[in-house]
Amino acid sequence: MNQNGHNTYVAGTDNQWILNDTYPSADDRLQTLYLYNVATRDTLTLGKFYEPEKFNGEWRTDLHPKSGPNGKWVIFDSTHEGDGHQMYMINIEKAIAKATR
């Protein structure tokens, strides 16, 4: 991983996968949510989320990704829809299975 964010191991993967995020980029304000495979050093982007300009400083929202207890889901915070801070959940089961083959 070449970017520091809020990282955590994905449950149920024997510490083979780390879930991480990035801070908004300076040029396009995109935050990346991704998985990192410890053994292969590969990254798998789960999504890129735009953080509107109005969410900055104390109002900034980091994605703070969390793995669900079974490792099949990722929960994260975002403002990408522009209406305020929301929580989102995505299924990563197929992505991990495909990347592990």
PDB file of N, CA and C in Angstrom:
ATOM      1  N   MET A   1       0.848  -1.177   0.000  1.00  0.00           N
ATOM      2  CA  MET A   1       0.000   0.000   0.000  1.00  0.00           C
ATOM      3  C   MET A   1       0.886   1.230   0.000  1.00  0.00           C
ATOM      4  N   ASN A   2       0.664   2.087  -0.940  1.00  0.00           N
ATOM      5  CA  ASN A   2       1.490   3.283  -1.013  1.00  0.00           C
ATOM      6  C   ASN A   2       0.761   4.529  -0.532  1.00  0.00           C
ATOM      7  N   GLN A   3      -0.460   4.355  -0.032  1.00  0.00           N
ATOM      8  CA  GLN A   3      -1.206   5.499   0.486  1.00  0.00           C
ATOM      9  C   GLN A   3      -1.710   5.173   1.882  1.00  0.00           C
ATOM     10  N   ASN A   4      -1.537   6.123   2.765  1.00  0.00           N
ATOM     11  CA  ASN A   4      -2.014   5.945   4.125  1.00  0.00           C
ATOM     12  C   ASN A   4      -3.461   6.403   4.208  1.00  0.00           C
ATOM     13  N   GLY A   5      -4.266   5.606   4.806  1.00  0.00           N
ATOM     14  CA  GLY A   5      -5.670   5.945   5.004  1.00  0.00           C
ATOM     15  C   GLY A   5      -6.130   5.325   6.303  1.00  0.00           C
ATOM     16  N   HIS A   6      -7.334   4.818   6.294  1.00  0.00           N
ATOM     17  CA  HIS A   6      -7.909   4.150   7.458  1.00  0.00           C
ATOM     18  C   HIS A   6      -8.004   2.675   7.106  1.00  0.00           C
ATOM     19  N   ASN A   7      -7.019   1.906   7.526  1.00  0.00           N
ATOM     20  CA  ASN A   7      -6.973   0.515   7.088  1.00  0.00           C
ATOM     21  C   ASN A   7      -7.331  -0.462   8.203  1.00  0.00           C
ATOM     22  N   THR A   8      -7.833  -1.600   7.771  1.00  0.00           N
ATOM     23  CA  THR A   8      -8.223  -2.672   8.674  1.00  0.00           C
ATOM     24  C   THR A   8      -8.202  -3.981   7.898  1.00  0.00           C
ATOM     25  N   TYR A   9      -7.948  -5.070   8.581  1.00  0.00           N
ATOM     26  CA  TYR A   9      -7.995  -6.368   7.916  1.00  0.00           C
ATOM     27  C   TYR A   9      -9.446  -6.757   7.649  1.00  0.00           C
ATOM     28  N   VAL A  10      -9.665  -7.453   6.539  1.00  0.00           N
ATOM     29  CA  VAL A  10     -10.995  -7.940   6.206  1.00  0.00           C
ATOM     30  C   VAL A  10     -11.228  -9.233   6.984  1.00  0.00           C
ATOM     31  N   ALA A  11     -12.309  -9.275   7.713  1.00  0.00           N
ATOM     32  CA  ALA A  11     -12.649 -10.449   8.527  1.00  0.00           C
ATOM     33  C   ALA A  11     -12.774 -11.694   7.652  1.00  0.00           C
ATOM     34  N   GLY A  12     -12.361 -12.813   8.193  1.00  0.00           N
ATOM     35  CA  GLY A  12     -12.535 -14.087   7.505  1.00  0.00           C
ATOM     36  C   GLY A  12     -11.576 -14.352   6.370  1.00  0.00           C
ATOM     37  N   THR A  13     -10.517 -13.546   6.212  1.00  0.00           N
ATOM     38  CA  THR A  13      -9.571 -13.760   5.112  1.00  0.00           C
ATOM     39  C   THR A  13      -8.177 -14.134   5.626  1.00  0.00           C
ATOM     40  N   ASP A  14      -8.080 -14.546   6.872  1.00  0.00           N
ATOM     41  CA  ASP A  14      -6.785 -14.916   7.465  1.00  0.00           C
ATOM     42  C   ASP A  14      -5.741 -13.825   7.272  1.00  0.00           C
ATOM     43  N   ASN A  15      -6.169 -12.581   7.405  1.00  0.00           N
ATOM     44  CA  ASN A  15      -5.291 -11.406   7.265  1.00  0.00           C
ATOM     45  C   ASN A  15      -4.622 -11.307   5.895  1.00  0.00           C
ATOM     46  N   GLN A  16      -5.264 -11.866   4.871  1.00  0.00           N
ATOM     47  CA  GLN A  16      -4.734 -11.776   3.507  1.00  0.00           C
ATOM     48  C   GLN A  16      -5.171 -10.494   2.815  1.00  0.00           C
ATOM     49  N   TRP A  17      -6.258  -9.893   3.258  1.00  0.00           N
ATOM     50  CA  TRP A  17      -6.790  -8.691   2.613  1.00  0.00           C
ATOM     51  C   TRP A  17      -6.899  -7.560   3.616  1.00  0.00           C
ATOM     52  N   ILE A  18      -6.461  -6.383   3.194  1.00  0.00           N
ATOM     53  CA  ILE A  18      -6.598  -5.173   3.995  1.00  0.00           C
ATOM     54  C   ILE A  18      -7.536  -4.228   3.257  1.00  0.00           C
ATOM     55  N   LEU A  19      -8.453  -3.665   3.987  1.00  0.00           N
ATOM     56  CA  LEU A  19      -9.394  -2.686   3.466  1.00  0.00           C
ATOM     57  C   LEU A  19      -8.829  -1.312   3.786  1.00  0.00           C
ATOM     58  N   ASN A  20      -8.827  -0.406   2.815  1.00  0.00           N
ATOM     59  CA  ASN A  20      -8.224   0.907   3.030  1.00  0.00           C
ATOM     60  C   ASN A  20      -8.957   1.967   2.213  1.00  0.00           C
ATOM     61  N   ASP A  21      -8.696   3.218   2.536  1.00  0.00           N
ATOM     62  CA  ASP A  21      -9.256   4.345   1.792  1.00  0.00           C
ATOM     63  C   ASP A  21      -8.180   5.398   1.614  1.00  0.00           C
ATOM     64  N   THR A  22      -8.488   6.383   0.797  1.00  0.00           N
ATOM     65  CA  THR A  22      -7.578   7.515   0.613  1.00  0.00           C
ATOM     66  C   THR A  22      -8.308   8.792   1.014  1.00  0.00           C
ATOM     67  N   TYR A  23      -7.524   9.815   1.243  1.00  0.00           N
ATOM     68  CA  TYR A  23      -8.101  11.136   1.472  1.00  0.00           C
ATOM     69  C   TYR A  23      -8.487  11.714   0.111  1.00  0.00           C
ATOM     70  N   PRO A  24      -9.352  12.721   0.073  1.00  0.00           N
ATOM     71  CA  PRO A  24      -9.718  13.305  -1.221  1.00  0.00           C
ATOM     72  C   PRO A  24      -8.484  13.834  -1.952  1.00  0.00           C
ATOM     73  N   SER A  25      -8.401  13.537  -3.231  1.00  0.00           N
ATOM     74  CA  SER A  25      -7.282  14.046  -4.024  1.00  0.00           C
ATOM     75  C   SER A  25      -7.465  15.553  -4.225  1.00  0.00           C
ATOM     76  N   ALA A  26      -6.365  16.247  -4.358  1.00  0.00           N
ATOM     77  CA  ALA A  26      -6.403  17.713  -4.495  1.00  0.00           C
ATOM     78  C   ALA A  26      -7.038  18.157  -5.808  1.00  0.00           C
ATOM     79  N   ASP A  27      -6.842  17.380  -6.872  1.00  0.00           N
ATOM     80  CA  ASP A  27      -7.311  17.831  -8.182  1.00  0.00           C
ATOM     81  C   ASP A  27      -8.785  17.525  -8.456  1.00  0.00           C
ATOM     82  N   ASP A  28      -9.265  16.348  -8.099  1.00  0.00           N
ATOM     83  CA  ASP A  28     -10.659  16.011  -8.432  1.00  0.00           C
ATOM     84  C   ASP A  28     -11.521  15.640  -7.226  1.00  0.00           C
ATOM     85  N   ARG A  29     -10.959  15.720  -6.012  1.00  0.00           N
ATOM     86  CA  ARG A  29     -11.672  15.454  -4.756  1.00  0.00           C
ATOM     87  C   ARG A  29     -12.266  14.050  -4.681  1.00  0.00           C
ATOM     88  N   LEU A  30     -11.620  13.098  -5.340  1.00  0.00           N
ATOM     89  CA  LEU A  30     -12.071  11.710  -5.275  1.00  0.00           C
ATOM     90  C   LEU A  30     -11.374  10.979  -4.140  1.00  0.00           C
ATOM     91  N   GLN A  31     -12.150  10.177  -3.428  1.00  0.00           N
ATOM     92  CA  GLN A  31     -11.636   9.299  -2.392  1.00  0.00           C
ATOM     93  C   GLN A  31     -11.762   7.882  -2.930  1.00  0.00           C
ATOM     94  N   THR A  32     -10.712   7.100  -2.781  1.00  0.00           N
ATOM     95  CA  THR A  32     -10.725   5.733  -3.294  1.00  0.00           C
ATOM     96  C   THR A  32     -10.875   4.749  -2.146  1.00  0.00           C
ATOM     97  N   LEU A  33     -11.769   3.806  -2.335  1.00  0.00           N
ATOM     98  CA  LEU A  33     -11.974   2.696  -1.408  1.00  0.00           C
ATOM     99  C   LEU A  33     -11.394   1.467  -2.088  1.00  0.00           C
ATOM    100  N   TYR A  34     -10.467   0.773  -1.417  1.00  0.00           N
ATOM    101  CA  TYR A  34      -9.828  -0.349  -2.095  1.00  0.00           C
ATOM    102  C   TYR A  34      -9.405  -1.447  -1.137  1.00  0.00           C
ATOM    103  N   LEU A  35      -9.149  -2.610  -1.730  1.00  0.00           N
ATOM    104  CA  LEU A  35      -8.608  -3.758  -1.013  1.00  0.00           C
ATOM    105  C   LEU A  35      -7.160  -3.947  -1.420  1.00  0.00           C
ATOM    106  N   TYR A  36      -6.363  -4.412  -0.489  1.00  0.00           N
ATOM    107  CA  TYR A  36      -4.955  -4.684  -0.745  1.00  0.00           C
ATOM    108  C   TYR A  36      -4.675  -6.125  -0.352  1.00  0.00           C
ATOM    109  N   ASN A  37      -4.106  -6.897  -1.277  1.00  0.00           N
ATOM    110  CA  ASN A  37      -3.762  -8.285  -1.006  1.00  0.00           C
ATOM    111  C   ASN A  37      -2.332  -8.323  -0.458  1.00  0.00           C
ATOM    112  N   VAL A  38      -2.183  -8.784   0.773  1.00  0.00           N
ATOM    113  CA  VAL A  38      -0.884  -8.779   1.439  1.00  0.00           C
ATOM    114  C   VAL A  38       0.118  -9.671   0.714  1.00  0.00           C
ATOM    115  N   ALA A  39      -0.310 -10.841   0.268  1.00  0.00           N
ATOM    116  CA  ALA A  39       0.607 -11.798  -0.373  1.00  0.00           C
ATOM    117  C   ALA A  39       1.084 -11.329  -1.743  1.00  0.00           C
ATOM    118  N   THR A  40       0.171 -10.814  -2.561  1.00  0.00           N
ATOM    119  CA  THR A  40       0.526 -10.448  -3.938  1.00  0.00           C
ATOM    120  C   THR A  40       0.851  -8.967  -4.106  1.00  0.00           C
ATOM    121  N   ARG A  41       0.504  -8.168  -3.112  1.00  0.00           N
ATOM    122  CA  ARG A  41       0.664  -6.713  -3.144  1.00  0.00           C
ATOM    123  C   ARG A  41      -0.203  -6.044  -4.216  1.00  0.00           C
ATOM    124  N   ASP A  42      -1.234  -6.733  -4.645  1.00  0.00           N
ATOM    125  CA  ASP A  42      -2.170  -6.184  -5.623  1.00  0.00           C
ATOM    126  C   ASP A  42      -3.229  -5.350  -4.906  1.00  0.00           C
ATOM    127  N   THR A  43      -3.741  -4.354  -5.611  1.00  0.00           N
ATOM    128  CA  THR A  43      -4.860  -3.581  -5.083  1.00  0.00           C
ATOM    129  C   THR A  43      -6.080  -3.807  -5.968  1.00  0.00           C
ATOM    130  N   LEU A  44      -7.222  -3.753  -5.342  1.00  0.00           N
ATOM    131  CA  LEU A  44      -8.493  -3.929  -6.025  1.00  0.00           C
ATOM    132  C   LEU A  44      -9.378  -2.753  -5.633  1.00  0.00           C
ATOM    133  N   THR A  45      -9.627  -1.857  -6.580  1.00  0.00           N
ATOM    134  CA  THR A  45     -10.453  -0.682  -6.302  1.00  0.00           C
ATOM    135  C   THR A  45     -11.909  -1.087  -6.198  1.00  0.00           C
ATOM    136  N   LEU A  46     -12.539  -0.705  -5.095  1.00  0.00           N
ATOM    137  CA  LEU A  46     -13.960  -0.982  -4.883  1.00  0.00           C
ATOM    138  C   LEU A  46     -14.822   0.182  -5.339  1.00  0.00           C
ATOM    139  N   GLY A  47     -14.255   1.358  -5.366  1.00  0.00           N
ATOM    140  CA  GLY A  47     -15.010   2.517  -5.818  1.00  0.00           C
ATOM    141  C   GLY A  47     -14.246   3.802  -5.584  1.00  0.00           C
ATOM    142  N   LYS A  48     -14.649   4.833  -6.312  1.00  0.00           N
ATOM    143  CA  LYS A  48     -14.105   6.184  -6.137  1.00  0.00           C
ATOM    144  C   LYS A  48     -15.291   7.088  -5.873  1.00  0.00           C
ATOM    145  N   PHE A  49     -15.172   7.895  -4.834  1.00  0.00           N
ATOM    146  CA  PHE A  49     -16.305   8.680  -4.362  1.00  0.00           C
ATOM    147  C   PHE A  49     -15.931  10.155  -4.263  1.00  0.00           C
ATOM    148  N   TYR A  50     -16.715  10.964  -4.938  1.00  0.00           N
ATOM    149  CA  TYR A  50     -16.482  12.405  -4.971  1.00  0.00           C
ATOM    150  C   TYR A  50     -16.932  13.026  -3.647  1.00  0.00           C
ATOM    151  N   GLU A  51     -16.066  13.849  -3.067  1.00  0.00           N
ATOM    152  CA  GLU A  51     -16.443  14.600  -1.876  1.00  0.00           C
ATOM    153  C   GLU A  51     -16.662  16.058  -2.280  1.00  0.00           C
ATOM    154  N   PRO A  52     -17.918  16.534  -2.224  1.00  0.00           N
ATOM    155  CA  PRO A  52     -18.198  17.913  -2.613  1.00  0.00           C
ATOM    156  C   PRO A  52     -17.351  18.912  -1.827  1.00  0.00           C
ATOM    157  N   GLU A  53     -17.040  20.033  -2.467  1.00  0.00           N
ATOM    158  CA  GLU A  53     -16.195  21.092  -1.891  1.00  0.00           C
ATOM    159  C   GLU A  53     -16.689  21.544  -0.525  1.00  0.00           C
ATOM    160  N   LYS A  54     -18.008  21.563  -0.331  1.00  0.00           N
ATOM    161  CA  LYS A  54     -18.544  22.088   0.934  1.00  0.00           C
ATOM    162  C   LYS A  54     -18.181  21.210   2.133  1.00  0.00           C
ATOM    163  N   PHE A  55     -17.742  19.991   1.879  1.00  0.00           N
ATOM    164  CA  PHE A  55     -17.328  19.107   2.968  1.00  0.00           C
ATOM    165  C   PHE A  55     -15.809  19.148   3.084  1.00  0.00           C
ATOM    166  N   ASN A  56     -15.321  20.082   3.877  1.00  0.00           N
ATOM    167  CA  ASN A  56     -13.882  20.199   4.084  1.00  0.00           C
ATOM    168  C   ASN A  56     -13.621  20.628   5.518  1.00  0.00           C
ATOM    169  N   GLY A  57     -12.366  20.631   5.917  1.00  0.00           N
ATOM    170  CA  GLY A  57     -12.018  21.008   7.283  1.00  0.00           C
ATOM    171  C   GLY A  57     -12.725  20.122   8.294  1.00  0.00           C
ATOM    172  N   GLU A  58     -13.380  20.734   9.256  1.00  0.00           N
ATOM    173  CA  GLU A  58     -14.101  19.970  10.279  1.00  0.00           C
ATOM    174  C   GLU A  58     -15.275  19.190   9.700  1.00  0.00           C
ATOM    175  N   TRP A  59     -15.742  19.581   8.531  1.00  0.00           N
ATOM    176  CA  TRP A  59     -16.893  18.922   7.910  1.00  0.00           C
ATOM    177  C   TRP A  59     -16.489  17.841   6.918  1.00  0.00           C
ATOM    178  N   ARG A  60     -15.178  17.619   6.786  1.00  0.00           N
ATOM    179  CA  ARG A  60     -14.684  16.579   5.887  1.00  0.00           C
ATOM    180  C   ARG A  60     -15.212  15.217   6.348  1.00  0.00           C
ATOM    181  N   THR A  61     -15.443  14.355   5.391  1.00  0.00           N
ATOM    182  CA  THR A  61     -15.859  12.996   5.717  1.00  0.00           C
ATOM    183  C   THR A  61     -14.868  12.020   5.124  1.00  0.00           C
ATOM    184  N   ASP A  62     -14.133  11.345   5.984  1.00  0.00           N
ATOM    185  CA  ASP A  62     -13.270  10.256   5.543  1.00  0.00           C
ATOM    186  C   ASP A  62     -14.143   9.021   5.393  1.00  0.00           C
ATOM    187  N   LEU A  63     -13.764   8.124   4.513  1.00  0.00           N
ATOM    188  CA  LEU A  63     -14.587   6.939   4.270  1.00  0.00           C
ATOM    189  C   LEU A  63     -14.627   6.000   5.479  1.00  0.00           C
ATOM    190  N   HIS A  64     -13.546   5.927   6.253  1.00  0.00           N
ATOM    191  CA  HIS A  64     -13.479   5.065   7.443  1.00  0.00           C
ATOM    192  C   HIS A  64     -14.090   3.685   7.188  1.00  0.00           C
ATOM    193  N   PRO A  65     -13.576   2.934   6.222  1.00  0.00           N
ATOM    194  CA  PRO A  65     -14.186   1.641   5.894  1.00  0.00           C
ATOM    195  C   PRO A  65     -14.056   0.626   7.027  1.00  0.00           C
ATOM    196  N   LYS A  66     -15.084  -0.189   7.128  1.00  0.00           N
ATOM    197  CA  LYS A  66     -15.117  -1.249   8.125  1.00  0.00           C
ATOM    198  C   LYS A  66     -15.537  -2.541   7.445  1.00  0.00           C
ATOM    199  N   SER A  67     -14.948  -3.631   7.870  1.00  0.00           N
ATOM    200  CA  SER A  67     -15.332  -4.942   7.357  1.00  0.00           C
ATOM    201  C   SER A  67     -16.476  -5.473   8.204  1.00  0.00           C
ATOM    202  N   GLY A  68     -17.470  -6.058   7.536  1.00  0.00           N
ATOM    203  CA  GLY A  68     -18.513  -6.736   8.291  1.00  0.00           C
ATOM    204  C   GLY A  68     -17.923  -7.955   8.986  1.00  0.00           C
ATOM    205  N   PRO A  69     -18.606  -8.519   9.963  1.00  0.00           N
ATOM    206  CA  PRO A  69     -18.044  -9.617  10.749  1.00  0.00           C
ATOM    207  C   PRO A  69     -17.744 -10.891   9.951  1.00  0.00           C
ATOM    208  N   ASN A  70     -18.397 -11.074   8.810  1.00  0.00           N
ATOM    209  CA  ASN A  70     -18.145 -12.281   8.008  1.00  0.00           C
ATOM    210  C   ASN A  70     -17.233 -12.008   6.815  1.00  0.00           C
ATOM    211  N   GLY A  71     -16.792 -10.755   6.635  1.00  0.00           N
ATOM    212  CA  GLY A  71     -15.891 -10.395   5.552  1.00  0.00           C
ATOM    213  C   GLY A  71     -16.554 -10.289   4.188  1.00  0.00           C
ATOM    214  N   LYS A  72     -17.868 -10.349   4.143  1.00  0.00           N
ATOM    215  CA  LYS A  72     -18.575 -10.278   2.862  1.00  0.00           C
ATOM    216  C   LYS A  72     -19.026  -8.855   2.525  1.00  0.00           C
ATOM    217  N   TRP A  73     -19.039  -7.993   3.500  1.00  0.00           N
ATOM    218  CA  TRP A  73     -19.554  -6.641   3.312  1.00  0.00           C
ATOM    219  C   TRP A  73     -18.561  -5.609   3.805  1.00  0.00           C
ATOM    220  N   VAL A  74     -18.590  -4.442   3.184  1.00  0.00           N
ATOM    221  CA  VAL A  74     -17.819  -3.289   3.618  1.00  0.00           C
ATOM    222  C   VAL A  74     -18.815  -2.172   3.904  1.00  0.00           C
ATOM    223  N   ILE A  75     -18.625  -1.522   5.031  1.00  0.00           N
ATOM    224  CA  ILE A  75     -19.446  -0.388   5.413  1.00  0.00           C
ATOM    225  C   ILE A  75     -18.530   0.836   5.415  1.00  0.00           C
ATOM    226  N   PHE A  76     -18.995   1.946   4.847  1.00  0.00           N
ATOM    227  CA  PHE A  76     -18.171   3.150   4.816  1.00  0.00           C
ATOM    228  C   PHE A  76     -19.043   4.396   4.839  1.00  0.00           C
ATOM    229  N   ASP A  77     -18.442   5.506   5.245  1.00  0.00           N
ATOM    230  CA  ASP A  77     -19.103   6.808   5.277  1.00  0.00           C
ATOM    231  C   ASP A  77     -18.759   7.556   3.995  1.00  0.00           C
ATOM    232  N   SER A  78     -19.677   8.417   3.548  1.00  0.00           N
ATOM    233  CA  SER A  78     -19.376   9.223   2.364  1.00  0.00           C
ATOM    234  C   SER A  78     -20.358  10.381   2.247  1.00  0.00           C
ATOM    235  N   THR A  79     -19.949  11.374   1.481  1.00  0.00           N
ATOM    236  CA  THR A  79     -20.812  12.521   1.159  1.00  0.00           C
ATOM    237  C   THR A  79     -21.020  12.620  -0.348  1.00  0.00           C
ATOM    238  N   HIS A  80     -20.705  11.562  -1.086  1.00  0.00           N
ATOM    239  CA  HIS A  80     -20.674  11.646  -2.554  1.00  0.00           C
ATOM    240  C   HIS A  80     -22.019  11.979  -3.196  1.00  0.00           C
ATOM    241  N   GLU A  81     -23.115  11.784  -2.486  1.00  0.00           N
ATOM    242  CA  GLU A  81     -24.413  12.150  -3.055  1.00  0.00           C
ATOM    243  C   GLU A  81     -24.757  13.612  -2.781  1.00  0.00           C
ATOM    244  N   GLY A  82     -23.912  14.292  -1.988  1.00  0.00           N
ATOM    245  CA  GLY A  82     -24.051  15.724  -1.769  1.00  0.00           C
ATOM    246  C   GLY A  82     -25.041  16.155  -0.712  1.00  0.00           C
ATOM    247  N   ASP A  83     -25.799  15.225  -0.139  1.00  0.00           N
ATOM    248  CA  ASP A  83     -26.850  15.591   0.815  1.00  0.00           C
ATOM    249  C   ASP A  83     -26.401  15.556   2.269  1.00  0.00           C
ATOM    250  N   GLY A  84     -25.173  15.206   2.524  1.00  0.00           N
ATOM    251  CA  GLY A  84     -24.684  15.097   3.896  1.00  0.00           C
ATOM    252  C   GLY A  84     -23.996  13.763   4.098  1.00  0.00           C
ATOM    253  N   HIS A  85     -23.638  13.516   5.326  1.00  0.00           N
ATOM    254  CA  HIS A  85     -22.945  12.276   5.658  1.00  0.00           C
ATOM    255  C   HIS A  85     -23.921  11.104   5.649  1.00  0.00           C
ATOM    256  N   GLN A  86     -23.555  10.059   4.930  1.00  0.00           N
ATOM    257  CA  GLN A  86     -24.378   8.853   4.861  1.00  0.00           C
ATOM    258  C   GLN A  86     -23.475   7.639   5.043  1.00  0.00           C
ATOM    259  N   MET A  87     -24.069   6.530   5.434  1.00  0.00           N
ATOM    260  CA  MET A  87     -23.343   5.259   5.508  1.00  0.00           C
ATOM    261  C   MET A  87     -23.781   4.397   4.336  1.00  0.00           C
ATOM    262  N   TYR A  88     -22.816   3.671   3.780  1.00  0.00           N
ATOM    263  CA  TYR A  88     -23.068   2.809   2.624  1.00  0.00           C
ATOM    264  C   TYR A  88     -22.518   1.428   2.906  1.00  0.00           C
ATOM    265  N   MET A  89     -23.068   0.458   2.211  1.00  0.00           N
ATOM    266  CA  MET A  89     -22.639  -0.918   2.395  1.00  0.00           C
ATOM    267  C   MET A  89     -22.540  -1.578   1.019  1.00  0.00           C
ATOM    268  N   ILE A  90     -21.399  -2.237   0.755  1.00  0.00           N
ATOM    269  CA  ILE A  90     -21.240  -2.944  -0.512  1.00  0.00           C
ATOM    270  C   ILE A  90     -20.762  -4.366  -0.231  1.00  0.00           C
ATOM    271  N   ASN A  91     -21.176  -5.261  -1.086  1.00  0.00           N
ATOM    272  CA  ASN A  91     -20.776  -6.660  -0.978  1.00  0.00           C
ATOM    273  C   ASN A  91     -19.458  -6.859  -1.712  1.00  0.00           C
ATOM    274  N   ILE A  92     -18.469  -7.462  -1.030  1.00  0.00           N
ATOM    275  CA  ILE A  92     -17.153  -7.678  -1.635  1.00  0.00           C
ATOM    276  C   ILE A  92     -16.842  -9.155  -1.835  1.00  0.00           C
ATOM    277  N   GLU A  93     -17.786 -10.011  -1.521  1.00  0.00           N
ATOM    278  CA  GLU A  93     -17.554 -11.457  -1.576  1.00  0.00           C
ATOM    279  C   GLU A  93     -17.080 -11.918  -2.958  1.00  0.00           C
ATOM    280  N   LYS A  94     -17.770 -11.519  -4.018  1.00  0.00           N
ATOM    281  CA  LYS A  94     -17.392 -11.943  -5.367  1.00  0.00           C
ATOM    282  C   LYS A  94     -16.073 -11.322  -5.808  1.00  0.00           C
ATOM    283  N   ALA A  95     -15.824 -10.079  -5.419  1.00  0.00           N
ATOM    284  CA  ALA A  95     -14.580  -9.405  -5.798  1.00  0.00           C
ATOM    285  C   ALA A  95     -13.375 -10.123  -5.200  1.00  0.00           C
ATOM    286  N   ILE A  96     -13.476 -10.506  -3.941  1.00  0.00           N
ATOM    287  CA  ILE A  96     -12.367 -11.224  -3.292  1.00  0.00           C
ATOM    288  C   ILE A  96     -12.197 -12.610  -3.901  1.00  0.00           C
ATOM    289  N   ALA A  97     -13.297 -13.295  -4.133  1.00  0.00           N
ATOM    290  CA  ALA A  97     -13.218 -14.636  -4.727  1.00  0.00           C
ATOM    291  C   ALA A  97     -12.563 -14.585  -6.105  1.00  0.00           C
ATOM    292  N   LYS A  98     -12.944 -13.623  -6.923  1.00  0.00           N
ATOM    293  CA  LYS A  98     -12.386 -13.492  -8.268  1.00  0.00           C
ATOM    294  C   LYS A  98     -10.891 -13.137  -8.223  1.00  0.00           C
ATOM    295  N   ALA A  99     -10.514 -12.233  -7.319  1.00  0.00           N
ATOM    296  CA  ALA A  99      -9.132 -11.792  -7.218  1.00  0.00           C
ATOM    297  C   ALA A  99      -8.221 -12.854  -6.605  1.00  0.00           C
ATOM    298  N   THR A 100      -8.814 -13.777  -5.867  1.00  0.00           N
ATOM    299  CA  THR A 100      -8.008 -14.807  -5.185  1.00  0.00           C
ATOM    300  C   THR A 100      -7.718 -15.995  -6.089  1.00  0.00           C
ATOM    301  N   ARG A 101      -8.445 -16.132  -7.185  1.00  0.00           N
ATOM    302  CA  ARG A 101      -8.234 -17.274  -8.092  1.00  0.00           C
ATOM    303  C   ARG A 101      -6.875 -17.287  -8.703  1.00  0.00           C
TER     304      ARG A 101
END
